[in-house]
Amino acid sequence: MTSAAVTAQGGNTLSDLVGLFKKVSDSQGGSRFSFVDLATDRASTRFGDLAAGERKSAQLIQQAAAKGLTDADIMPSINGLPEGFSAAAFAAAFQYTKSPAYRRITDHIEQRIDALLLM
């Protein structure tokens, strides 16, 4: 929900940057780089964007919340997403965050989020 709150206050670009910085920092000794974490950050950012966006999208979120939201309504499946990359393992697998290999996974994450009920 931190990503949703950052999005509501600073926009989705800021939220994406903060989330990506955290993942890269994790790869350098924290909990390691995780596409699972990235997926939850992106879904939260999109949720925050809708909740704080145009009146119509905010009302949609409110109506859905009144009916009872579940995790499956706002979070994509994380099955099969790679995680646990050290900085060296990430560099070996993806080189950098704009590489085709990295983009394939992040595009797949975005497709999972697009398929959610509210997104």
PDB file of N, CA and C in Angstrom:
ATOM      1  N   MET A   1       0.812  -1.191   0.000  1.00  0.00           N
ATOM      2  CA  MET A   1       0.000   0.000   0.000  1.00  0.00           C
ATOM      3  C   MET A   1       0.861   1.263   0.000  1.00  0.00           C
ATOM      4  N   THR A   2       2.133   1.116   0.357  1.00  0.00           N
ATOM      5  CA  THR A   2       3.019   2.275   0.292  1.00  0.00           C
ATOM      6  C   THR A   2       3.086   2.803  -1.128  1.00  0.00           C
ATOM      7  N   SER A   3       3.185   1.910  -2.099  1.00  0.00           N
ATOM      8  CA  SER A   3       3.223   2.334  -3.501  1.00  0.00           C
ATOM      9  C   SER A   3       1.946   3.060  -3.884  1.00  0.00           C
ATOM     10  N   ALA A   4       0.801   2.600  -3.394  1.00  0.00           N
ATOM     11  CA  ALA A   4      -0.465   3.272  -3.692  1.00  0.00           C
ATOM     12  C   ALA A   4      -0.475   4.674  -3.094  1.00  0.00           C
ATOM     13  N   ALA A   5       0.016   4.816  -1.867  1.00  0.00           N
ATOM     14  CA  ALA A   5       0.040   6.121  -1.219  1.00  0.00           C
ATOM     15  C   ALA A   5       1.009   7.077  -1.916  1.00  0.00           C
ATOM     16  N   VAL A   6       2.187   6.574  -2.292  1.00  0.00           N
ATOM     17  CA  VAL A   6       3.154   7.419  -3.013  1.00  0.00           C
ATOM     18  C   VAL A   6       2.561   7.862  -4.344  1.00  0.00           C
ATOM     19  N   THR A   7       1.866   6.970  -5.024  1.00  0.00           N
ATOM     20  CA  THR A   7       1.223   7.312  -6.293  1.00  0.00           C
ATOM     21  C   THR A   7       0.190   8.398  -6.092  1.00  0.00           C
ATOM     22  N   ALA A   8      -0.615   8.264  -5.059  1.00  0.00           N
ATOM     23  CA  ALA A   8      -1.664   9.248  -4.801  1.00  0.00           C
ATOM     24  C   ALA A   8      -1.077  10.631  -4.554  1.00  0.00           C
ATOM     25  N   GLN A   9       0.095  10.686  -3.921  1.00  0.00           N
ATOM     26  CA  GLN A   9       0.692  11.976  -3.602  1.00  0.00           C
ATOM     27  C   GLN A   9       1.685  12.484  -4.645  1.00  0.00           C
ATOM     28  N   GLY A  10       2.432  11.577  -5.253  1.00  0.00           N
ATOM     29  CA  GLY A  10       3.506  12.021  -6.139  1.00  0.00           C
ATOM     30  C   GLY A  10       3.431  11.517  -7.563  1.00  0.00           C
ATOM     31  N   GLY A  11       2.443  10.692  -7.862  1.00  0.00           N
ATOM     32  CA  GLY A  11       2.288  10.177  -9.218  1.00  0.00           C
ATOM     33  C   GLY A  11       2.947   8.814  -9.385  1.00  0.00           C
ATOM     34  N   ASN A  12       2.553   8.124 -10.466  1.00  0.00           N
ATOM     35  CA  ASN A  12       3.052   6.762 -10.644  1.00  0.00           C
ATOM     36  C   ASN A  12       4.512   6.706 -11.058  1.00  0.00           C
ATOM     37  N   THR A  13       5.039   7.745 -11.687  1.00  0.00           N
ATOM     38  CA  THR A  13       6.461   7.729 -12.050  1.00  0.00           C
ATOM     39  C   THR A  13       7.325   7.713 -10.793  1.00  0.00           C
ATOM     40  N   LEU A  14       6.979   8.551  -9.824  1.00  0.00           N
ATOM     41  CA  LEU A  14       7.722   8.578  -8.566  1.00  0.00           C
ATOM     42  C   LEU A  14       7.613   7.232  -7.857  1.00  0.00           C
ATOM     43  N   SER A  15       6.413   6.670  -7.808  1.00  0.00           N
ATOM     44  CA  SER A  15       6.220   5.385  -7.159  1.00  0.00           C
ATOM     45  C   SER A  15       7.031   4.284  -7.840  1.00  0.00           C
ATOM     46  N   ASP A  16       7.027   4.272  -9.172  1.00  0.00           N
ATOM     47  CA  ASP A  16       7.805   3.278  -9.912  1.00  0.00           C
ATOM     48  C   ASP A  16       9.292   3.407  -9.618  1.00  0.00           C
ATOM     49  N   LEU A  17       9.782   4.638  -9.569  1.00  0.00           N
ATOM     50  CA  LEU A  17      11.200   4.863  -9.295  1.00  0.00           C
ATOM     51  C   LEU A  17      11.578   4.418  -7.888  1.00  0.00           C
ATOM     52  N   VAL A  18      10.752   4.740  -6.916  1.00  0.00           N
ATOM     53  CA  VAL A  18      11.022   4.334  -5.537  1.00  0.00           C
ATOM     54  C   VAL A  18      11.016   2.813  -5.441  1.00  0.00           C
ATOM     55  N   GLY A  19      10.028   2.166  -6.066  1.00  0.00           N
ATOM     56  CA  GLY A  19       9.947   0.710  -6.037  1.00  0.00           C
ATOM     57  C   GLY A  19      11.145   0.048  -6.701  1.00  0.00           C
ATOM     58  N   LEU A  20      11.537   0.561  -7.873  1.00  0.00           N
ATOM     59  CA  LEU A  20      12.685  -0.006  -8.577  1.00  0.00           C
ATOM     60  C   LEU A  20      13.970   0.209  -7.787  1.00  0.00           C
ATOM     61  N   PHE A  21      14.141   1.400  -7.205  1.00  0.00           N
ATOM     62  CA  PHE A  21      15.317   1.664  -6.385  1.00  0.00           C
ATOM     63  C   PHE A  21      15.400   0.659  -5.239  1.00  0.00           C
ATOM     64  N   LYS A  22      14.262   0.380  -4.604  1.00  0.00           N
ATOM     65  CA  LYS A  22      14.239  -0.585  -3.495  1.00  0.00           C
ATOM     66  C   LYS A  22      14.650  -1.966  -3.969  1.00  0.00           C
ATOM     67  N   LYS A  23      14.172  -2.383  -5.141  1.00  0.00           N
ATOM     68  CA  LYS A  23      14.524  -3.714  -5.655  1.00  0.00           C
ATOM     69  C   LYS A  23      16.012  -3.807  -5.974  1.00  0.00           C
ATOM     70  N   VAL A  24      16.565  -2.770  -6.596  1.00  0.00           N
ATOM     71  CA  VAL A  24      18.004  -2.760  -6.915  1.00  0.00           C
ATOM     72  C   VAL A  24      18.812  -2.757  -5.624  1.00  0.00           C
ATOM     73  N   SER A  25      18.374  -1.968  -4.646  1.00  0.00           N
ATOM     74  CA  SER A  25      19.058  -1.933  -3.353  1.00  0.00           C
ATOM     75  C   SER A  25      19.013  -3.310  -2.692  1.00  0.00           C
ATOM     76  N   ASP A  26      17.876  -3.985  -2.779  1.00  0.00           N
ATOM     77  CA  ASP A  26      17.758  -5.332  -2.218  1.00  0.00           C
ATOM     78  C   ASP A  26      18.749  -6.292  -2.866  1.00  0.00           C
ATOM     79  N   SER A  27      18.989  -6.119  -4.155  1.00  0.00           N
ATOM     80  CA  SER A  27      19.900  -7.037  -4.854  1.00  0.00           C
ATOM     81  C   SER A  27      21.342  -6.865  -4.387  1.00  0.00           C
ATOM     82  N   GLN A  28      21.624  -5.763  -3.725  1.00  0.00           N
ATOM     83  CA  GLN A  28      22.987  -5.484  -3.290  1.00  0.00           C
ATOM     84  C   GLN A  28      23.194  -5.813  -1.816  1.00  0.00           C
ATOM     85  N   GLY A  29      22.411  -6.726  -1.294  1.00  0.00           N
ATOM     86  CA  GLY A  29      22.656  -7.177   0.064  1.00  0.00           C
ATOM     87  C   GLY A  29      21.423  -7.243   0.935  1.00  0.00           C
ATOM     88  N   GLY A  30      20.327  -6.714   0.498  1.00  0.00           N
ATOM     89  CA  GLY A  30      19.095  -6.800   1.276  1.00  0.00           C
ATOM     90  C   GLY A  30      18.446  -8.151   1.056  1.00  0.00           C
ATOM     91  N   SER A  31      17.166  -8.110   0.757  1.00  0.00           N
ATOM     92  CA  SER A  31      16.429  -9.353   0.548  1.00  0.00           C
ATOM     93  C   SER A  31      16.552  -9.863  -0.882  1.00  0.00           C
ATOM     94  N   ARG A  32      17.366  -9.208  -1.699  1.00  0.00           N
ATOM     95  CA  ARG A  32      17.621  -9.569  -3.097  1.00  0.00           C
ATOM     96  C   ARG A  32      16.509  -9.085  -4.010  1.00  0.00           C
ATOM     97  N   PHE A  33      16.840  -8.939  -5.303  1.00  0.00           N
ATOM     98  CA  PHE A  33      15.884  -8.440  -6.289  1.00  0.00           C
ATOM     99  C   PHE A  33      14.801  -9.482  -6.511  1.00  0.00           C
ATOM    100  N   SER A  34      13.557  -9.012  -6.517  1.00  0.00           N
ATOM    101  CA  SER A  34      12.425  -9.925  -6.641  1.00  0.00           C
ATOM    102  C   SER A  34      11.393  -9.362  -7.613  1.00  0.00           C
ATOM    103  N   PHE A  35      11.071 -10.132  -8.650  1.00  0.00           N
ATOM    104  CA  PHE A  35       9.995  -9.730  -9.548  1.00  0.00           C
ATOM    105  C   PHE A  35       8.635  -9.868  -8.866  1.00  0.00           C
ATOM    106  N   VAL A  36       8.555 -10.691  -7.828  1.00  0.00           N
ATOM    107  CA  VAL A  36       7.333 -10.783  -7.038  1.00  0.00           C
ATOM    108  C   VAL A  36       7.075  -9.440  -6.363  1.00  0.00           C
ATOM    109  N   ASP A  37       8.103  -8.888  -5.727  1.00  0.00           N
ATOM    110  CA  ASP A  37       7.971  -7.571  -5.104  1.00  0.00           C
ATOM    111  C   ASP A  37       7.634  -6.504  -6.142  1.00  0.00           C
ATOM    112  N   LEU A  38       8.273  -6.588  -7.294  1.00  0.00           N
ATOM    113  CA  LEU A  38       8.011  -5.617  -8.354  1.00  0.00           C
ATOM    114  C   LEU A  38       6.554  -5.696  -8.812  1.00  0.00           C
ATOM    115  N   ALA A  39       6.018  -6.896  -8.918  1.00  0.00           N
ATOM    116  CA  ALA A  39       4.620  -7.068  -9.324  1.00  0.00           C
ATOM    117  C   ALA A  39       3.670  -6.446  -8.300  1.00  0.00           C
ATOM    118  N   THR A  40       3.947  -6.654  -7.026  1.00  0.00           N
ATOM    119  CA  THR A  40       3.068  -6.077  -6.011  1.00  0.00           C
ATOM    120  C   THR A  40       3.195  -4.558  -5.978  1.00  0.00           C
ATOM    121  N   ASP A  41       4.404  -4.052  -6.182  1.00  0.00           N
ATOM    122  CA  ASP A  41       4.590  -2.595  -6.260  1.00  0.00           C
ATOM    123  C   ASP A  41       3.820  -2.000  -7.432  1.00  0.00           C
ATOM    124  N   ARG A  42       3.933  -2.629  -8.599  1.00  0.00           N
ATOM    125  CA  ARG A  42       3.245  -2.112  -9.795  1.00  0.00           C
ATOM    126  C   ARG A  42       1.729  -2.157  -9.624  1.00  0.00           C
ATOM    127  N   ALA A  43       1.216  -3.255  -9.059  1.00  0.00           N
ATOM    128  CA  ALA A  43      -0.229  -3.357  -8.840  1.00  0.00           C
ATOM    129  C   ALA A  43      -0.692  -2.291  -7.848  1.00  0.00           C
ATOM    130  N   SER A  44       0.078  -2.064  -6.802  1.00  0.00           N
ATOM    131  CA  SER A  44      -0.266  -1.035  -5.821  1.00  0.00           C
ATOM    132  C   SER A  44      -0.223   0.353  -6.440  1.00  0.00           C
ATOM    133  N   THR A  45       0.763   0.577  -7.293  1.00  0.00           N
ATOM    134  CA  THR A  45       0.864   1.868  -7.981  1.00  0.00           C
ATOM    135  C   THR A  45      -0.351   2.091  -8.866  1.00  0.00           C
ATOM    136  N   ARG A  46      -0.728   1.075  -9.620  1.00  0.00           N
ATOM    137  CA  ARG A  46      -1.900   1.197 -10.494  1.00  0.00           C
ATOM    138  C   ARG A  46      -3.167   1.414  -9.671  1.00  0.00           C
ATOM    139  N   PHE A  47      -3.290   0.700  -8.550  1.00  0.00           N
ATOM    140  CA  PHE A  47      -4.445   0.868  -7.673  1.00  0.00           C
ATOM    141  C   PHE A  47      -4.501   2.305  -7.142  1.00  0.00           C
ATOM    142  N   GLY A  48      -3.367   2.813  -6.674  1.00  0.00           N
ATOM    143  CA  GLY A  48      -3.313   4.186  -6.173  1.00  0.00           C
ATOM    144  C   GLY A  48      -3.642   5.200  -7.241  1.00  0.00           C
ATOM    145  N   ASP A  49      -3.186   4.930  -8.452  1.00  0.00           N
ATOM    146  CA  ASP A  49      -3.477   5.816  -9.584  1.00  0.00           C
ATOM    147  C   ASP A  49      -4.981   5.873  -9.844  1.00  0.00           C
ATOM    148  N   LEU A  50      -5.638   4.727  -9.793  1.00  0.00           N
ATOM    149  CA  LEU A  50      -7.091   4.692  -9.984  1.00  0.00           C
ATOM    150  C   LEU A  50      -7.823   5.353  -8.816  1.00  0.00           C
ATOM    151  N   ALA A  51      -7.403   5.043  -7.606  1.00  0.00           N
ATOM    152  CA  ALA A  51      -8.079   5.563  -6.419  1.00  0.00           C
ATOM    153  C   ALA A  51      -7.966   7.076  -6.300  1.00  0.00           C
ATOM    154  N   ALA A  52      -6.847   7.629  -6.751  1.00  0.00           N
ATOM    155  CA  ALA A  52      -6.632   9.075  -6.640  1.00  0.00           C
ATOM    156  C   ALA A  52      -6.776   9.779  -7.982  1.00  0.00           C
ATOM    157  N   GLY A  53      -7.193   9.044  -8.993  1.00  0.00           N
ATOM    158  CA  GLY A  53      -7.278   9.599 -10.336  1.00  0.00           C
ATOM    159  C   GLY A  53      -8.584  10.331 -10.586  1.00  0.00           C
ATOM    160  N   GLU A  54      -9.087  10.160 -11.771  1.00  0.00           N
ATOM    161  CA  GLU A  54     -10.320  10.817 -12.155  1.00  0.00           C
ATOM    162  C   GLU A  54     -11.464  10.371 -11.244  1.00  0.00           C
ATOM    163  N   ARG A  55     -12.437  11.220 -11.108  1.00  0.00           N
ATOM    164  CA  ARG A  55     -13.574  10.950 -10.229  1.00  0.00           C
ATOM    165  C   ARG A  55     -14.224   9.589 -10.539  1.00  0.00           C
ATOM    166  N   LYS A  56     -14.374   9.281 -11.813  1.00  0.00           N
ATOM    167  CA  LYS A  56     -15.030   8.027 -12.208  1.00  0.00           C
ATOM    168  C   LYS A  56     -14.254   6.809 -11.708  1.00  0.00           C
ATOM    169  N   SER A  57     -12.925   6.822 -11.867  1.00  0.00           N
ATOM    170  CA  SER A  57     -12.137   5.674 -11.421  1.00  0.00           C
ATOM    171  C   SER A  57     -12.125   5.580  -9.900  1.00  0.00           C
ATOM    172  N   ALA A  58     -12.091   6.728  -9.209  1.00  0.00           N
ATOM    173  CA  ALA A  58     -12.131   6.723  -7.745  1.00  0.00           C
ATOM    174  C   ALA A  58     -13.465   6.165  -7.251  1.00  0.00           C
ATOM    175  N   GLN A  59     -14.546   6.518  -7.923  1.00  0.00           N
ATOM    176  CA  GLN A  59     -15.857   5.991  -7.548  1.00  0.00           C
ATOM    177  C   GLN A  59     -15.938   4.485  -7.788  1.00  0.00           C
ATOM    178  N   LEU A  60     -15.322   4.025  -8.857  1.00  0.00           N
ATOM    179  CA  LEU A  60     -15.288   2.586  -9.142  1.00  0.00           C
ATOM    180  C   LEU A  60     -14.588   1.835  -8.007  1.00  0.00           C
ATOM    181  N   ILE A  61     -13.488   2.372  -7.550  1.00  0.00           N
ATOM    182  CA  ILE A  61     -12.748   1.764  -6.438  1.00  0.00           C
ATOM    183  C   ILE A  61     -13.609   1.766  -5.174  1.00  0.00           C
ATOM    184  N   GLN A  62     -14.264   2.882  -4.901  1.00  0.00           N
ATOM    185  CA  GLN A  62     -15.106   2.976  -3.708  1.00  0.00           C
ATOM    186  C   GLN A  62     -16.259   1.978  -3.766  1.00  0.00           C
ATOM    187  N   GLN A  63     -16.885   1.840  -4.924  1.00  0.00           N
ATOM    188  CA  GLN A  63     -17.994   0.892  -5.077  1.00  0.00           C
ATOM    189  C   GLN A  63     -17.511  -0.545  -4.890  1.00  0.00           C
ATOM    190  N   ALA A  64     -16.365  -0.848  -5.459  1.00  0.00           N
ATOM    191  CA  ALA A  64     -15.803  -2.193  -5.317  1.00  0.00           C
ATOM    192  C   ALA A  64     -15.439  -2.464  -3.856  1.00  0.00           C
ATOM    193  N   ALA A  65     -14.886  -1.478  -3.189  1.00  0.00           N
ATOM    194  CA  ALA A  65     -14.509  -1.639  -1.782  1.00  0.00           C
ATOM    195  C   ALA A  65     -15.747  -1.847  -0.914  1.00  0.00           C
ATOM    196  N   ALA A  66     -16.823  -1.153  -1.227  1.00  0.00           N
ATOM    197  CA  ALA A  66     -18.059  -1.306  -0.464  1.00  0.00           C
ATOM    198  C   ALA A  66     -18.627  -2.721  -0.606  1.00  0.00           C
ATOM    199  N   LYS A  67     -18.404  -3.347  -1.750  1.00  0.00           N
ATOM    200  CA  LYS A  67     -18.880  -4.712  -1.980  1.00  0.00           C
ATOM    201  C   LYS A  67     -17.937  -5.743  -1.360  1.00  0.00           C
ATOM    202  N   GLY A  68     -16.704  -5.312  -1.070  1.00  0.00           N
ATOM    203  CA  GLY A  68     -15.716  -6.206  -0.477  1.00  0.00           C
ATOM    204  C   GLY A  68     -14.647  -6.616  -1.473  1.00  0.00           C
ATOM    205  N   LEU A  69     -13.509  -5.997  -1.380  1.00  0.00           N
ATOM    206  CA  LEU A  69     -12.385  -6.333  -2.244  1.00  0.00           C
ATOM    207  C   LEU A  69     -11.612  -7.514  -1.666  1.00  0.00           C
ATOM    208  N   THR A  70     -11.054  -8.308  -2.540  1.00  0.00           N
ATOM    209  CA  THR A  70     -10.149  -9.372  -2.121  1.00  0.00           C
ATOM    210  C   THR A  70      -8.780  -9.090  -2.727  1.00  0.00           C
ATOM    211  N   ASP A  71      -7.777  -9.788  -2.251  1.00  0.00           N
ATOM    212  CA  ASP A  71      -6.433  -9.648  -2.822  1.00  0.00           C
ATOM    213  C   ASP A  71      -6.453  -9.920  -4.322  1.00  0.00           C
ATOM    214  N   ALA A  72      -7.243 -10.900  -4.728  1.00  0.00           N
ATOM    215  CA  ALA A  72      -7.295 -11.290  -6.145  1.00  0.00           C
ATOM    216  C   ALA A  72      -7.874 -10.189  -7.027  1.00  0.00           C
ATOM    217  N   ASP A  73      -8.601  -9.237  -6.436  1.00  0.00           N
ATOM    218  CA  ASP A  73      -9.160  -8.127  -7.205  1.00  0.00           C
ATOM    219  C   ASP A  73      -8.099  -7.087  -7.563  1.00  0.00           C
ATOM    220  N   ILE A  74      -7.058  -6.987  -6.738  1.00  0.00           N
ATOM    221  CA  ILE A  74      -6.089  -5.903  -6.937  1.00  0.00           C
ATOM    222  C   ILE A  74      -4.634  -6.359  -7.053  1.00  0.00           C
ATOM    223  N   MET A  75      -4.364  -7.634  -6.799  1.00  0.00           N
ATOM    224  CA  MET A  75      -3.002  -8.143  -6.891  1.00  0.00           C
ATOM    225  C   MET A  75      -2.919  -9.281  -7.904  1.00  0.00           C
ATOM    226  N   PRO A  76      -1.932  -9.224  -8.793  1.00  0.00           N
ATOM    227  CA  PRO A  76      -1.801 -10.282  -9.800  1.00  0.00           C
ATOM    228  C   PRO A  76      -1.236 -11.560  -9.187  1.00  0.00           C
ATOM    229  N   SER A  77      -1.406 -12.645  -9.900  1.00  0.00           N
ATOM    230  CA  SER A  77      -0.763 -13.895  -9.507  1.00  0.00           C
ATOM    231  C   SER A  77       0.753 -13.698  -9.565  1.00  0.00           C
ATOM    232  N   ILE A  78       1.427 -14.254  -8.586  1.00  0.00           N
ATOM    233  CA  ILE A  78       2.892 -14.171  -8.564  1.00  0.00           C
ATOM    234  C   ILE A  78       3.537 -15.494  -8.957  1.00  0.00           C
ATOM    235  N   ASN A  79       2.712 -16.463  -9.306  1.00  0.00           N
ATOM    236  CA  ASN A  79       3.222 -17.786  -9.677  1.00  0.00           C
ATOM    237  C   ASN A  79       4.217 -17.690 -10.827  1.00  0.00           C
ATOM    238  N   GLY A  80       5.371 -18.311 -10.630  1.00  0.00           N
ATOM    239  CA  GLY A  80       6.382 -18.395 -11.677  1.00  0.00           C
ATOM    240  C   GLY A  80       7.251 -17.170 -11.866  1.00  0.00           C
ATOM    241  N   LEU A  81       7.018 -16.115 -11.095  1.00  0.00           N
ATOM    242  CA  LEU A  81       7.871 -14.930 -11.241  1.00  0.00           C
ATOM    243  C   LEU A  81       9.208 -15.170 -10.549  1.00  0.00           C
ATOM    244  N   PRO A  82      10.308 -14.859 -11.233  1.00  0.00           N
ATOM    245  CA  PRO A  82      11.624 -15.096 -10.637  1.00  0.00           C
ATOM    246  C   PRO A  82      11.918 -14.121  -9.497  1.00  0.00           C
ATOM    247  N   GLU A  83      12.667 -14.590  -8.536  1.00  0.00           N
ATOM    248  CA  GLU A  83      13.049 -13.728  -7.422  1.00  0.00           C
ATOM    249  C   GLU A  83      14.342 -14.209  -6.788  1.00  0.00           C
ATOM    250  N   GLY A  84      14.865 -13.386  -5.875  1.00  0.00           N
ATOM    251  CA  GLY A  84      16.053 -13.767  -5.129  1.00  0.00           C
ATOM    252  C   GLY A  84      17.369 -13.511  -5.842  1.00  0.00           C
ATOM    253  N   PHE A  85      17.406 -12.525  -6.756  1.00  0.00           N
ATOM    254  CA  PHE A  85      18.624 -12.245  -7.510  1.00  0.00           C
ATOM    255  C   PHE A  85      19.573 -11.356  -6.712  1.00  0.00           C
ATOM    256  N   SER A  86      20.801 -11.804  -6.548  1.00  0.00           N
ATOM    257  CA  SER A  86      21.846 -10.912  -6.044  1.00  0.00           C
ATOM    258  C   SER A  86      22.172  -9.934  -7.172  1.00  0.00           C
ATOM    259  N   ALA A  87      22.946  -8.912  -6.876  1.00  0.00           N
ATOM    260  CA  ALA A  87      23.320  -7.943  -7.916  1.00  0.00           C
ATOM    261  C   ALA A  87      24.046  -8.641  -9.065  1.00  0.00           C
ATOM    262  N   ALA A  88      24.948  -9.570  -8.735  1.00  0.00           N
ATOM    263  CA  ALA A  88      25.708 -10.278  -9.775  1.00  0.00           C
ATOM    264  C   ALA A  88      24.797 -11.188 -10.599  1.00  0.00           C
ATOM    265  N   ALA A  89      23.886 -11.885  -9.932  1.00  0.00           N
ATOM    266  CA  ALA A  89      22.962 -12.773 -10.652  1.00  0.00           C
ATOM    267  C   ALA A  89      22.008 -11.964 -11.531  1.00  0.00           C
ATOM    268  N   PHE A  90      21.556 -10.814 -11.032  1.00  0.00           N
ATOM    269  CA  PHE A  90      20.675  -9.960 -11.824  1.00  0.00           C
ATOM    270  C   PHE A  90      21.410  -9.476 -13.074  1.00  0.00           C
ATOM    271  N   ALA A  91      22.642  -9.010 -12.898  1.00  0.00           N
ATOM    272  CA  ALA A  91      23.435  -8.521 -14.036  1.00  0.00           C
ATOM    273  C   ALA A  91      23.679  -9.633 -15.053  1.00  0.00           C
ATOM    274  N   ALA A  92      23.936 -10.837 -14.575  1.00  0.00           N
ATOM    275  CA  ALA A  92      24.174 -11.958 -15.491  1.00  0.00           C
ATOM    276  C   ALA A  92      22.918 -12.327 -16.268  1.00  0.00           C
ATOM    277  N   ALA A  93      21.779 -12.255 -15.624  1.00  0.00           N
ATOM    278  CA  ALA A  93      20.528 -12.652 -16.277  1.00  0.00           C
ATOM    279  C   ALA A  93      19.920 -11.548 -17.135  1.00  0.00           C
ATOM    280  N   PHE A  94      20.068 -10.286 -16.700  1.00  0.00           N
ATOM    281  CA  PHE A  94      19.327  -9.202 -17.356  1.00  0.00           C
ATOM    282  C   PHE A  94      20.183  -8.020 -17.812  1.00  0.00           C
ATOM    283  N   GLN A  95      21.402  -7.937 -17.404  1.00  0.00           N
ATOM    284  CA  GLN A  95      22.304  -6.829 -17.684  1.00  0.00           C
ATOM    285  C   GLN A  95      21.818  -5.524 -17.032  1.00  0.00           C
ATOM    286  N   TYR A  96      20.638  -5.050 -17.389  1.00  0.00           N
ATOM    287  CA  TYR A  96      20.121  -3.781 -16.882  1.00  0.00           C
ATOM    288  C   TYR A  96      18.598  -3.796 -17.022  1.00  0.00           C
ATOM    289  N   THR A  97      17.943  -2.766 -16.463  1.00  0.00           N
ATOM    290  CA  THR A  97      16.485  -2.778 -16.399  1.00  0.00           C
ATOM    291  C   THR A  97      15.782  -2.393 -17.699  1.00  0.00           C
ATOM    292  N   LYS A  98      16.502  -2.081 -18.725  1.00  0.00           N
ATOM    293  CA  LYS A  98      15.877  -1.803 -20.023  1.00  0.00           C
ATOM    294  C   LYS A  98      16.186  -2.899 -21.044  1.00  0.00           C
ATOM    295  N   SER A  99      16.816  -3.968 -20.589  1.00  0.00           N
ATOM    296  CA  SER A  99      17.166  -5.059 -21.494  1.00  0.00           C
ATOM    297  C   SER A  99      15.900  -5.793 -21.950  1.00  0.00           C
ATOM    298  N   PRO A 100      15.943  -6.431 -23.117  1.00  0.00           N
ATOM    299  CA  PRO A 100      14.789  -7.196 -23.592  1.00  0.00           C
ATOM    300  C   PRO A 100      14.351  -8.298 -22.612  1.00  0.00           C
ATOM    301  N   ALA A 101      15.302  -8.959 -21.976  1.00  0.00           N
ATOM    302  CA  ALA A 101      14.962 -10.028 -21.031  1.00  0.00           C
ATOM    303  C   ALA A 101      14.194  -9.478 -19.828  1.00  0.00           C
ATOM    304  N   TYR A 102      14.644  -8.361 -19.312  1.00  0.00           N
ATOM    305  CA  TYR A 102      13.959  -7.714 -18.185  1.00  0.00           C
ATOM    306  C   TYR A 102      12.580  -7.236 -18.619  1.00  0.00           C
ATOM    307  N   ARG A 103      12.506  -6.595 -19.777  1.00  0.00           N
ATOM    308  CA  ARG A 103      11.234  -6.065 -20.285  1.00  0.00           C
ATOM    309  C   ARG A 103      10.213  -7.176 -20.533  1.00  0.00           C
ATOM    310  N   ARG A 104      10.666  -8.347 -20.956  1.00  0.00           N
ATOM    311  CA  ARG A 104       9.733  -9.465 -21.159  1.00  0.00           C
ATOM    312  C   ARG A 104       9.014  -9.802 -19.853  1.00  0.00           C
ATOM    313  N   ILE A 105       9.756  -9.845 -18.765  1.00  0.00           N
ATOM    314  CA  ILE A 105       9.142 -10.180 -17.482  1.00  0.00           C
ATOM    315  C   ILE A 105       8.246  -9.043 -16.999  1.00  0.00           C
ATOM    316  N   THR A 106       8.711  -7.810 -17.098  1.00  0.00           N
ATOM    317  CA  THR A 106       7.887  -6.703 -16.619  1.00  0.00           C
ATOM    318  C   THR A 106       6.645  -6.514 -17.499  1.00  0.00           C
ATOM    319  N   ASP A 107       6.760  -6.769 -18.789  1.00  0.00           N
ATOM    320  CA  ASP A 107       5.577  -6.712 -19.657  1.00  0.00           C
ATOM    321  C   ASP A 107       4.570  -7.791 -19.264  1.00  0.00           C
ATOM    322  N   HIS A 108       5.081  -8.976 -18.928  1.00  0.00           N
ATOM    323  CA  HIS A 108       4.208 -10.066 -18.479  1.00  0.00           C
ATOM    324  C   HIS A 108       3.503  -9.683 -17.172  1.00  0.00           C
ATOM    325  N   ILE A 109       4.216  -9.033 -16.283  1.00  0.00           N
ATOM    326  CA  ILE A 109       3.619  -8.555 -15.031  1.00  0.00           C
ATOM    327  C   ILE A 109       2.504  -7.559 -15.339  1.00  0.00           C
ATOM    328  N   GLU A 110       2.760  -6.622 -16.236  1.00  0.00           N
ATOM    329  CA  GLU A 110       1.741  -5.629 -16.602  1.00  0.00           C
ATOM    330  C   GLU A 110       0.510  -6.303 -17.207  1.00  0.00           C
ATOM    331  N   GLN A 111       0.709  -7.358 -17.987  1.00  0.00           N
ATOM    332  CA  GLN A 111      -0.429  -8.090 -18.560  1.00  0.00           C
ATOM    333  C   GLN A 111      -1.245  -8.757 -17.455  1.00  0.00           C
ATOM    334  N   ARG A 112      -0.578  -9.289 -16.461  1.00  0.00           N
ATOM    335  CA  ARG A 112      -1.289  -9.890 -15.332  1.00  0.00           C
ATOM    336  C   ARG A 112      -2.113  -8.834 -14.596  1.00  0.00           C
ATOM    337  N   ILE A 113      -1.536  -7.653 -14.423  1.00  0.00           N
ATOM    338  CA  ILE A 113      -2.256  -6.578 -13.743  1.00  0.00           C
ATOM    339  C   ILE A 113      -3.430  -6.096 -14.598  1.00  0.00           C
ATOM    340  N   ASP A 114      -3.216  -5.970 -15.909  1.00  0.00           N
ATOM    341  CA  ASP A 114      -4.293  -5.560 -16.814  1.00  0.00           C
ATOM    342  C   ASP A 114      -5.494  -6.486 -16.723  1.00  0.00           C
ATOM    343  N   ALA A 115      -5.255  -7.766 -16.443  1.00  0.00           N
ATOM    344  CA  ALA A 115      -6.325  -8.759 -16.397  1.00  0.00           C
ATOM    345  C   ALA A 115      -7.144  -8.716 -15.107  1.00  0.00           C
ATOM    346  N   LEU A 116      -6.686  -7.949 -14.132  1.00  0.00           N
ATOM    347  CA  LEU A 116      -7.414  -7.867 -12.854  1.00  0.00           C
ATOM    348  C   LEU A 116      -8.733  -7.138 -13.027  1.00  0.00           C
ATOM    349  N   LEU A 117      -9.666  -7.446 -12.183  1.00  0.00           N
ATOM    350  CA  LEU A 117     -11.012  -6.896 -12.227  1.00  0.00           C
ATOM    351  C   LEU A 117     -11.022  -5.363 -12.273  1.00  0.00           C
ATOM    352  N   LEU A 118     -10.260  -4.729 -11.420  1.00  0.00           N
ATOM    353  CA  LEU A 118     -10.307  -3.275 -11.299  1.00  0.00           C
ATOM    354  C   LEU A 118      -9.304  -2.524 -12.164  1.00  0.00           C
ATOM    355  N   MET A 119      -8.346  -3.189 -12.715  1.00  0.00           N
ATOM    356  CA  MET A 119      -7.295  -2.480 -13.422  1.00  0.00           C
ATOM    357  C   MET A 119      -7.622  -2.369 -14.878  1.00  0.00           C
TER     358      MET A 119
END
